[in-house]
Structures are given as C-alpha cells and as structure tokens.
Protein backbone atom coordinates (compact mmCIF):
# COMPACT_ATOMS: atom_id res chain seq x y z
CA MET A 1 -219.91 172.32 -95.25
CA LYS A 2 -220.15 176.12 -94.75
CA ASN A 3 -218.98 175.81 -91.14
CA LEU A 4 -216.01 173.69 -92.01
CA LYS A 5 -212.50 175.05 -91.99
CA LEU A 6 -210.49 175.11 -95.26
CA TRP A 7 -208.27 172.14 -94.21
CA GLN A 8 -211.40 170.13 -93.25
CA LYS A 9 -212.98 170.68 -96.68
CA GLN A 10 -209.70 169.66 -98.36
CA TYR A 11 -209.50 166.59 -96.08
CA LEU A 12 -212.99 165.45 -97.01
CA SER A 13 -212.63 166.14 -100.80
CA THR A 14 -209.20 164.39 -100.84
CA LEU A 15 -210.53 161.43 -98.90
CA LEU A 16 -213.58 161.10 -101.05
CA LEU A 17 -211.54 161.19 -104.29
CA PHE A 18 -209.17 158.62 -102.87
CA LEU A 19 -211.91 156.34 -101.80
CA VAL A 20 -213.61 156.47 -105.20
CA VAL A 21 -210.37 155.71 -107.00
CA PHE A 22 -209.13 153.15 -104.43
CA TYR A 23 -212.30 151.13 -104.13
CA GLY A 24 -212.67 151.21 -107.93
CA CYS A 25 -209.25 149.59 -108.21
CA VAL A 26 -210.19 147.09 -105.49
CA PHE A 27 -213.39 146.08 -107.32
CA PHE A 28 -211.54 145.87 -110.62
CA LEU A 29 -208.90 143.56 -109.11
CA ALA A 30 -211.58 141.38 -107.48
CA HIS A 31 -213.48 141.07 -110.77
CA ASN A 32 -210.34 140.38 -112.76
CA SER A 33 -209.25 137.70 -110.19
CA PHE A 34 -212.58 135.99 -110.40
CA SER A 35 -212.76 136.10 -114.25
CA THR A 36 -209.26 134.59 -114.32
CA ALA A 37 -210.16 131.81 -112.01
CA PHE A 38 -213.48 131.11 -113.67
CA SER A 39 -211.88 130.97 -117.10
CA SER A 40 -209.22 128.53 -115.85
CA ALA A 41 -211.88 126.34 -114.34
CA GLN A 42 -213.89 126.34 -117.60
CA GLU A 43 -210.84 125.40 -119.69
CA ALA A 44 -209.95 122.60 -117.25
CA ALA A 45 -213.63 121.29 -117.43
CA ILE A 46 -213.57 121.32 -121.28
CA ARG A 47 -210.20 119.55 -121.39
CA GLU A 48 -211.43 116.89 -118.91
CA TYR A 49 -214.64 116.29 -120.85
CA THR A 50 -212.73 115.99 -124.12
CA MET A 51 -210.40 113.47 -122.49
CA ILE A 52 -213.31 111.39 -121.24
CA LYS A 53 -215.07 111.60 -124.50
CA HIS A 54 -211.93 110.52 -126.53
CA GLY A 55 -211.40 107.61 -124.02
CA ILE A 56 -214.95 106.29 -124.38
CA GLU A 57 -214.68 106.57 -128.18
CA ALA A 58 -211.39 104.73 -128.22
CA LYS A 59 -212.76 101.96 -126.06
CA ARG A 60 -215.91 101.81 -128.25
CA GLY A 61 -213.67 101.57 -131.27
CA MET A 62 -211.86 98.55 -129.79
CA ILE A 63 -215.18 96.75 -129.10
CA ALA A 64 -216.42 97.66 -132.55
CA ALA A 65 -213.34 96.07 -134.09
CA ARG A 66 -214.40 92.80 -132.54
CA GLY A 67 -217.92 93.29 -133.86
CA GLY A 68 -219.58 93.90 -130.52
CA THR A 69 -220.91 97.42 -130.53
CA SER A 70 -224.45 98.13 -129.39
CA LEU A 71 -226.34 100.69 -127.35
CA GLU A 72 -225.98 98.42 -124.39
CA ALA A 73 -222.23 98.29 -124.95
CA ASP A 74 -221.97 102.06 -125.08
CA LYS A 75 -224.01 102.29 -121.84
CA ALA A 76 -221.60 99.88 -120.05
CA ILE A 77 -218.56 101.85 -121.17
CA VAL A 78 -220.09 105.13 -119.93
CA ALA A 79 -221.09 103.47 -116.59
CA GLU A 80 -217.50 102.21 -116.14
CA TYR A 81 -216.17 105.81 -116.71
CA GLY A 82 -218.93 107.20 -114.60
CA VAL A 83 -217.95 105.16 -111.49
CA TYR A 84 -214.27 106.05 -111.97
CA TYR A 85 -214.73 109.78 -112.45
CA SER A 86 -217.40 110.11 -109.82
CA ARG A 87 -214.61 109.65 -107.25
CA ARG A 88 -212.98 112.77 -108.76
CA GLY A 89 -216.01 115.03 -108.51
CA VAL A 90 -217.35 114.40 -112.07
CA GLU A 91 -220.75 112.96 -112.80
CA LEU A 92 -221.72 111.45 -116.27
CA SER A 93 -224.95 110.58 -118.11
CA TYR A 94 -225.69 108.76 -121.25
CA MET A 95 -228.85 109.58 -123.26
CA GLY A 96 -230.25 107.82 -126.23
CA LYS A 97 -231.06 109.83 -129.35
CA ASP A 98 -234.74 109.58 -128.50
CA GLY A 99 -234.10 111.25 -125.12
CA THR A 100 -234.15 108.05 -122.98
CA ILE A 101 -231.68 108.17 -120.08
CA LEU A 102 -229.70 105.00 -120.38
CA TYR A 103 -227.16 105.78 -117.55
CA SER A 104 -226.86 108.71 -115.15
CA SER A 105 -225.05 109.56 -111.88
CA ILE A 106 -226.36 113.14 -112.31
CA PRO A 107 -229.48 114.45 -110.47
CA ALA A 108 -232.38 114.51 -112.86
CA ASP A 109 -232.89 118.25 -112.71
CA ILE A 110 -229.40 119.08 -114.03
CA ILE A 111 -228.84 116.38 -116.63
CA PRO A 112 -227.25 118.07 -119.69
CA GLU A 113 -229.67 118.57 -122.58
CA LYS A 114 -228.81 116.91 -125.91
CA GLU A 115 -230.00 120.03 -127.79
CA LYS A 116 -227.03 122.03 -126.46
CA GLN A 117 -224.36 119.86 -127.94
CA GLY A 118 -220.75 120.89 -127.09
CA LEU A 119 -221.74 123.98 -125.14
CA LEU A 120 -220.43 124.56 -121.71
CA GLU A 121 -223.06 126.07 -119.50
CA ILE A 122 -223.74 126.54 -115.71
CA LYS A 123 -226.64 124.70 -114.16
CA LYS A 124 -228.09 124.94 -110.67
CA ASP A 125 -229.60 122.11 -108.68
CA ALA A 126 -232.54 122.35 -106.37
CA ALA A 127 -230.31 123.58 -103.54
CA GLY A 128 -228.83 126.37 -105.68
CA LYS A 129 -225.50 124.66 -106.19
CA ARG A 130 -223.71 125.44 -109.47
CA TYR A 131 -222.14 123.05 -111.91
CA PHE A 132 -220.42 123.16 -115.29
CA SER A 133 -222.47 121.22 -117.75
CA ILE A 134 -221.46 119.83 -121.24
CA SER A 135 -223.24 117.45 -123.65
CA ALA A 136 -222.02 116.08 -127.00
CA PRO A 137 -222.72 113.02 -129.23
CA VAL A 138 -220.82 109.86 -128.47
CA GLY A 139 -221.55 106.56 -130.26
CA SER A 140 -225.29 105.90 -130.41
CA GLY A 141 -226.28 108.62 -127.88
CA TYR A 142 -225.23 111.76 -126.06
CA LEU A 143 -222.62 111.97 -123.29
CA GLY A 144 -223.46 114.32 -120.44
CA TYR A 145 -220.87 115.79 -118.08
CA ILE A 146 -221.18 117.95 -114.94
CA ARG A 147 -218.56 119.22 -112.43
CA GLU A 148 -219.23 121.13 -109.23
CA THR A 149 -218.12 124.73 -109.60
CA GLU A 150 -219.73 126.25 -106.45
CA SER A 151 -216.36 126.22 -104.73
CA ILE A 152 -215.07 128.87 -107.14
CA PHE A 153 -217.93 131.24 -106.17
CA ILE A 154 -217.32 130.47 -102.48
CA ARG A 155 -213.63 131.20 -102.72
CA GLN A 156 -214.27 134.36 -104.60
CA LYS A 157 -216.72 135.46 -101.92
CA GLN A 158 -214.22 134.76 -99.18
CA GLN A 159 -211.52 136.57 -101.09
CA ASN A 160 -213.86 139.62 -101.65
CA ILE A 161 -214.58 139.78 -97.90
CA LEU A 162 -210.86 139.65 -97.05
CA LEU A 163 -210.04 142.20 -99.78
CA ILE A 164 -212.74 144.68 -98.67
CA SER A 165 -211.73 144.25 -95.01
CA ALA A 166 -208.16 145.01 -95.80
CA ALA A 167 -209.14 147.85 -97.99
CA ALA A 168 -211.40 149.30 -95.25
CA ALA A 169 -208.61 148.97 -92.65
CA PHE A 170 -206.14 150.63 -94.96
CA SER A 171 -208.63 153.33 -95.76
CA LEU A 172 -209.16 153.95 -92.02
CA VAL A 173 -205.42 154.15 -91.37
CA LEU A 174 -204.93 156.47 -94.36
CA SER A 175 -207.85 158.69 -93.38
CA ILE A 176 -206.48 159.13 -89.84
CA PHE A 177 -203.00 159.80 -91.19
CA LEU A 178 -204.39 162.25 -93.71
CA TYR A 179 -206.47 164.03 -91.04
CA ILE A 180 -203.47 164.44 -88.60
CA ASN A 181 -201.15 165.66 -91.27
CA LEU A 182 -203.56 168.11 -92.91
CA LYS A 183 -204.36 169.53 -89.48
CA ARG A 184 -200.78 169.78 -88.60
CA LEU A 185 -200.02 171.36 -91.98
CA TYR A 186 -202.72 174.05 -91.58
CA ARG A 187 -201.89 174.67 -87.89
CA PRO A 188 -199.24 177.39 -88.67
CA ILE A 189 -201.87 179.32 -90.65
CA ASP A 190 -204.32 179.13 -87.65
CA ASN A 191 -201.54 180.11 -85.26
CA LEU A 192 -200.53 183.01 -87.46
CA ALA A 193 -204.05 184.38 -87.42
CA HIS A 194 -204.10 183.99 -83.64
CA GLU A 195 -200.76 185.62 -83.12
CA LEU A 196 -201.44 188.63 -85.34
CA ARG A 197 -204.54 189.58 -83.44
CA THR A 198 -202.76 191.06 -80.40
CA PRO A 199 -200.27 193.41 -82.24
CA LEU A 200 -202.96 194.40 -84.64
CA THR A 201 -205.23 195.35 -81.86
CA ALA A 202 -202.44 197.41 -80.33
CA ILE A 203 -201.67 199.17 -83.61
CA HIS A 204 -205.35 199.92 -84.17
CA GLY A 205 -205.74 201.27 -80.70
CA TYR A 206 -202.72 203.62 -80.90
CA ALA A 207 -203.70 204.73 -84.51
CA GLN A 208 -207.07 205.81 -83.08
CA TYR A 209 -205.25 207.44 -80.21
CA ILE A 210 -203.18 209.56 -82.59
CA ALA A 211 -206.18 210.34 -84.80
CA PHE A 212 -208.74 211.32 -82.27
CA ALA A 213 -207.14 212.20 -78.90
CA ALA A 214 -205.88 215.66 -77.99
CA ILE A 215 -202.18 214.86 -77.46
CA ASP A 216 -198.96 216.82 -77.75
CA GLU A 217 -196.08 216.09 -80.09
CA GLU A 218 -194.15 213.95 -77.63
CA GLU A 219 -197.17 211.62 -77.00
CA ARG A 220 -197.78 211.47 -80.74
CA PHE A 221 -194.20 210.51 -81.30
CA ASN A 222 -194.27 207.82 -78.59
CA ALA A 223 -197.55 206.34 -80.03
CA ALA A 224 -196.09 206.39 -83.59
CA SER A 225 -192.98 204.72 -82.36
CA PHE A 226 -194.89 202.03 -80.62
CA ILE A 227 -196.94 201.40 -83.84
CA ALA A 228 -193.56 201.06 -85.69
CA GLU A 229 -192.37 198.61 -83.03
CA GLU A 230 -195.50 196.53 -83.23
CA SER A 231 -195.36 196.48 -87.07
CA SER A 232 -191.85 195.25 -86.87
CA ARG A 233 -193.00 192.65 -84.31
CA LEU A 234 -195.66 191.50 -86.76
CA GLN A 235 -193.07 190.75 -89.32
CA ASP A 236 -191.00 188.95 -86.66
CA ILE A 237 -194.08 186.86 -85.64
CA ILE A 238 -194.71 185.86 -89.12
CA ASP A 239 -191.10 184.80 -89.71
CA ARG A 240 -190.95 182.93 -86.38
CA LEU A 241 -194.28 181.09 -86.98
CA LEU A 242 -193.19 179.93 -90.40
CA THR A 243 -189.97 178.79 -88.76
CA LEU A 244 -191.90 176.98 -86.01
CA SER A 245 -194.10 175.25 -88.70
CA ASN A 246 -191.06 173.50 -90.10
CA HIS A 247 -189.17 173.18 -86.76
CA ARG A 248 -186.02 174.85 -88.17
CA GLU A 249 -184.19 175.63 -85.04
CA SER A 250 -181.14 176.82 -86.99
CA THR A 251 -182.94 179.96 -88.12
CA LEU A 252 -183.88 181.11 -84.57
CA ASP A 253 -182.07 184.12 -83.11
CA TRP A 254 -180.58 182.81 -79.89
CA SER A 255 -179.29 185.40 -77.37
CA GLN A 256 -179.54 186.37 -73.73
CA VAL A 257 -182.93 187.85 -73.31
CA SER A 258 -183.56 190.45 -70.54
CA THR A 259 -186.66 189.53 -68.50
CA GLU A 260 -187.03 193.17 -67.55
CA GLU A 261 -187.27 194.15 -71.27
CA LEU A 262 -189.55 191.13 -71.92
CA PHE A 263 -191.95 192.14 -69.09
CA SER A 264 -191.87 195.87 -69.86
CA ARG A 265 -192.88 195.19 -73.46
CA THR A 266 -195.74 193.07 -72.28
CA LYS A 267 -196.84 195.79 -69.78
CA LYS A 268 -197.12 198.29 -72.71
CA LEU A 269 -199.97 196.11 -74.01
CA TYR A 270 -201.46 195.37 -70.59
CA HIS A 271 -200.83 198.40 -68.43
CA GLY A 272 -202.52 197.09 -65.34
CA ILE A 273 -200.45 193.95 -64.86
CA GLN A 274 -197.74 193.74 -62.14
CA TYR A 275 -194.40 192.13 -62.64
CA LYS A 276 -191.32 191.31 -60.54
CA VAL A 277 -187.87 190.38 -61.82
CA GLU A 278 -185.52 188.17 -59.81
CA LEU A 279 -184.15 186.26 -62.73
CA PRO A 280 -182.41 188.86 -64.87
CA TYR A 281 -181.74 186.82 -68.06
CA VAL A 282 -182.87 183.77 -69.95
CA THR A 283 -181.34 182.36 -73.11
CA GLY A 284 -183.63 182.10 -76.21
CA ASP A 285 -185.29 183.88 -79.08
CA PHE A 286 -186.62 187.29 -77.90
CA SER A 287 -189.52 187.50 -80.41
CA LEU A 288 -190.68 183.95 -79.74
CA LEU A 289 -190.54 184.51 -75.95
CA CYS A 290 -192.39 187.79 -76.35
CA SER A 291 -195.11 185.77 -78.15
CA LEU A 292 -195.16 183.09 -75.50
CA VAL A 293 -195.46 185.48 -72.56
CA GLY A 294 -197.98 187.61 -74.48
CA ASN A 295 -200.20 184.60 -74.95
CA LEU A 296 -200.00 183.53 -71.34
CA VAL A 297 -200.70 187.05 -70.05
CA ASP A 298 -203.56 187.46 -72.59
CA ASN A 299 -205.24 184.33 -71.30
CA ALA A 300 -204.67 185.41 -67.66
CA VAL A 301 -206.23 188.88 -68.29
CA LYS A 302 -209.26 187.36 -70.00
CA ALA A 303 -209.74 184.91 -67.07
CA SER A 304 -209.51 187.73 -64.53
CA SER A 305 -211.87 190.52 -63.67
CA GLY A 306 -209.09 193.14 -64.26
CA GLN A 307 -205.53 193.42 -65.41
CA GLU A 308 -204.52 194.35 -61.87
CA GLU A 309 -205.15 190.74 -60.78
CA VAL A 310 -202.41 189.48 -63.15
CA GLU A 311 -198.83 189.08 -61.91
CA LEU A 312 -195.81 188.28 -64.03
CA ILE A 313 -192.71 186.95 -62.03
CA ALA A 314 -189.26 185.90 -63.19
CA LYS A 315 -187.34 183.99 -60.49
CA GLU A 316 -185.02 180.99 -59.99
CA ASN A 317 -185.29 179.08 -63.30
CA SER A 318 -188.89 180.13 -64.24
CA ILE A 319 -191.22 182.70 -65.74
CA ILE A 320 -194.54 182.58 -63.94
CA VAL A 321 -197.86 184.17 -64.80
CA LEU A 322 -200.49 184.30 -62.02
CA ASP A 323 -204.15 185.32 -62.16
CA ARG A 324 -207.17 185.37 -59.94
CA GLY A 325 -209.70 183.85 -62.41
CA GLN A 326 -211.96 180.96 -61.85
CA GLY A 327 -209.21 178.39 -61.98
CA LEU A 328 -209.14 175.21 -64.08
CA SER A 329 -211.31 172.15 -64.06
CA LYS A 330 -209.49 168.84 -63.96
CA ALA A 331 -210.15 168.15 -67.54
CA MET A 332 -209.14 171.62 -68.68
CA CYS A 333 -205.90 171.34 -66.62
CA LYS A 334 -205.07 168.07 -68.31
CA ARG A 335 -205.74 169.61 -71.76
CA LEU A 336 -203.65 172.68 -71.07
CA ASN A 337 -200.70 170.42 -69.90
CA ASP A 338 -200.83 168.35 -73.14
CA THR A 339 -197.47 169.07 -74.68
CA ASP A 340 -198.49 167.54 -78.01
CA GLY A 341 -200.35 170.70 -78.95
CA HIS A 342 -203.93 169.73 -78.28
CA GLY A 343 -204.69 172.21 -75.50
CA ALA A 344 -207.16 175.03 -75.42
CA SER A 345 -207.24 178.59 -74.12
CA THR A 346 -208.55 179.05 -70.62
CA THR A 347 -211.25 181.42 -71.76
CA GLY A 348 -212.84 179.15 -74.34
CA GLY A 349 -211.27 180.93 -77.32
CA SER A 350 -209.80 179.45 -80.39
CA GLY A 351 -207.38 177.35 -78.32
CA LEU A 352 -204.47 178.04 -80.67
CA GLY A 353 -202.28 180.14 -78.35
CA ILE A 354 -201.43 177.43 -75.82
CA PRO A 355 -200.37 174.73 -78.38
CA LEU A 356 -198.06 177.47 -79.85
CA CYS A 357 -196.68 178.20 -76.43
CA HIS A 358 -195.80 174.44 -75.92
CA GLN A 359 -194.01 174.49 -79.30
CA ILE A 360 -191.98 177.54 -78.24
CA ALA A 361 -191.22 176.08 -74.87
CA LYS A 362 -189.92 172.89 -76.53
CA LEU A 363 -187.66 174.81 -78.84
CA HIS A 364 -186.23 176.57 -75.82
CA GLY A 365 -185.57 173.33 -73.85
CA ALA A 366 -188.22 174.49 -71.40
CA ARG A 367 -191.32 173.01 -69.86
CA LEU A 368 -194.78 174.79 -69.75
CA THR A 369 -197.18 173.66 -67.00
CA PHE A 370 -200.53 174.90 -65.69
CA GLU A 371 -202.04 174.36 -62.22
CA ASN A 372 -204.63 175.89 -60.00
CA ARG A 373 -203.65 178.67 -57.61
CA SER A 374 -204.30 178.57 -53.92
CA GLY A 375 -207.20 180.98 -53.17
CA GLY A 376 -208.50 180.81 -56.79
CA GLY A 377 -206.99 181.42 -60.18
CA THR A 378 -204.33 179.79 -62.36
CA ILE A 379 -200.58 179.42 -62.28
CA ALA A 380 -198.81 179.22 -65.69
CA LYS A 381 -195.17 178.27 -65.21
CA LEU A 382 -192.37 178.24 -67.85
CA GLU A 383 -189.34 176.32 -66.49
CA PHE A 384 -186.05 176.59 -68.30
CA LEU A 385 -184.45 173.19 -67.63
CA GLN A 386 -180.89 174.25 -68.46
CA LEU A 387 -181.23 176.86 -65.54
CA GLN A 388 -182.75 174.34 -63.26
CA HIS A 389 -179.65 172.17 -63.54
CA ASN A 390 -177.45 175.32 -62.91
CA SER A 391 -175.49 174.90 -66.10
CA ILE A 392 -176.45 176.55 -69.41
CA ALA A 393 -173.79 174.47 -71.08
CA ASP A 394 -175.28 171.07 -70.05
CA PRO A 395 -175.95 169.47 -73.38
CA LYS A 396 -178.66 167.25 -71.90
CA TYR A 397 -180.95 170.18 -71.19
CA MET A 398 -180.25 172.37 -74.19
CA PRO A 399 -181.96 172.77 -77.59
CA ASP A 400 -179.89 171.60 -80.51
CA MET A 401 -179.22 175.06 -81.82
CA MET A 402 -177.82 176.28 -78.37
CA LYS A 403 -175.43 173.29 -78.49
CA LYS A 404 -174.27 174.46 -81.92
CA LYS A 405 -173.83 178.05 -80.73
CA GLN A 406 -171.77 176.95 -77.74
CA GLY A 407 -169.65 174.52 -79.72
CA GLY A 408 -167.40 177.50 -80.79
CA ILE A 409 -166.92 178.85 -77.10
CA SER A 410 -163.57 178.01 -75.54
CA LYS A 411 -163.72 176.25 -72.13
C-alpha cells in the first residue's frame, strides 16, 4: 500500500466499502426472498392439510350418522384421500393410537410422528430430499401428511447463483468505471506536477546563478527577469492545466502565436538546440503551445547525447522536433501515438508529458504523431489541420472556440 498513489488508495478503499455494502444488500435480499417463499409454502401446506383433515372428518361424520364408523372405515377413507392427493404431490398416512401403521403412501423413514401433533416440521428422506411433515388426531388414529419442499431450496439456490453472478458482473463493470474515472480525475494533478518541474528547475538554476556567480548588473537583471517570466509561466501552466482537466475551451486565450517567439523561449531553457522557422505563425494558446513544445524538446534532449542533436522546425503546417536518440521500438511508437492519453515518455520517465501534449493538440485541432527518423532518432510532428487545408476559417478543422471567435469576423 505504501507504493500506491493517492488515487489508487482511494480507489481500493472506495471499492472495498462499496463491495461490503453492496454484497450485504444482495445477501439480505436473497435471504428475505427465501424467507418469503418458504413462509408462503408453509402456509399453503398447513391450509392443504387442514382441508384434507376437515374433508376426512366430514366423510367420517356421514358414515357415523349411518352407524358404520370403525377403525377400518377410517382407514378406507384415508386411503381414498391418499390415492387422490398422491397425484398432487401429497402423501398421507394413518396410524392407530397404539402406533400401528394402518395406511401409508409415505416412505417408512419419514412418516410423521404422532407425538408431534399439529406441528409442521421438515423431514429428510434417505436421499436427503426435504418434505413438510404434519400429524394430528383424526377419528380413531393420527393422520400424517407430507409434501415435497426440496424444489423451494433448489429454486433458491438457482436464484442465489443468478443473483451473485449478476452482482459480480455489476461489481466488475463498476470497478472498471470507478478505476477509469478516478484515474482521469487525478490525471490533472499528476500532469501539474510534471509540468511544474521544468520551470521550477529553470528558476532554481537562475537563482543559484544570481547568488553564486560573479556577474554584472545587466546579467543579474536578465536572470531576475527570466525568473519573473518563469514564475508568471508557472501561474499560466497551473491555470491552463486546470482548464484542460475540465476541457473548457472557452477559457483558452486564442491568438496568432509567433513560432519565432515560441522557439526562442524554448531555446532559453535548452541553449544547445537548433531551430528553423519557415512557418511564421500558428493559431492557438501561447502558454499551452509553450508547454507542448517544451515537453517534446525535453523528451528529445533526454533521448539524445547532447542538446546540439535536437532540432526544432516550423514549416508548412507543422512544428517538428527531431533528435538523434536511440529511436522507438514498435511497441513504444504505438503507445506514443495513442491519442487517448495512455502514452509514455521516450526516456522511461513518468509518462505524463505526452498524454498532456495529445490533449493540447486536440484542443488546437492538431494531430501529434511520433515516428523513427532515418539514420537514428525520433521525429515528433505537430500538424495543424486547419493550415493543412489552407483555410483557417474552415469549420471542419477548427476547435470549437476558434469557430466562436471567428463568428464575429465579417467576410
């Protein structure tokens, strides 16, 4: 548990609490359902036994009125009822007061006992099959009654299996849904930590430069200015990442972004990189594009033996980052090109930068792709689709916010 992230701990604790409560409710419902079915079957058995008993007593009374009652007559009446009700799943027995079995269609091991008069109980035969059993005095003996009740237990068992299976399937679906949504909910926090690292490193470096290096006032002023710029950029990054987490395009600051300014800002962080500008402007959010390009360059520098091997190019409809690293395996290339945000960094880092880059690209109506470079290395290419189709006003290739902005421009 110590190595788990906060969202993973919350996922496990939430899932465990849900499972305890959910399965508690499932078992309560199953038990309540069985109790209801069993009670109904008991009441039906008692009613049926009472009806048979009253029928036998009524017929015995008619015979008695003609002066013909005897133990043998009682036996004949019970036998007549026994044959009729046997076809309905009920078996009867008639026992003399001395315990002699006068009539029985019931197996000997489950004949109701005369000592338990009027009590409904459950008996099991030699095969383990369960029956309702009742015995009560009728005439000169005791009338025994049994009805098979095993079907109630079988139906309940089948119902329990179905209920548990449905509950397990629902729990699985819910656990996957909870996992995906908690991971997505906490992704902005992870991205925030990843994005803050680069400007914080720059601020720390320039602060040490001011504190310990022998520099003149102009250099000190330039370093302090850069720290102020990076501090402002930190605030921008926080605001933009929170915006990205909710996909609120309406809060993004759309404008024409100078690729020269974009690249020169990146070069301040990575002095050794080379860049070339043939595409002067792109349309988008300057802070988010700085973050995107910074992430791509950071990965390229880490993959290369030196910053000099990294090239930054703006041409045609694209911003391209080239390096001379080890290149990408087939599996890694597939992961990096996963636009759903499940990619990883090329240097085996936290893997949070590339998913963020894909999110930023989507917001700009652009496409981010990775491929191996001829001669070794990697090509990261950000294609602006509205430029590719040679019309920034083409609604098909524009983010929603850009459509809104251009809605007020006269044609």
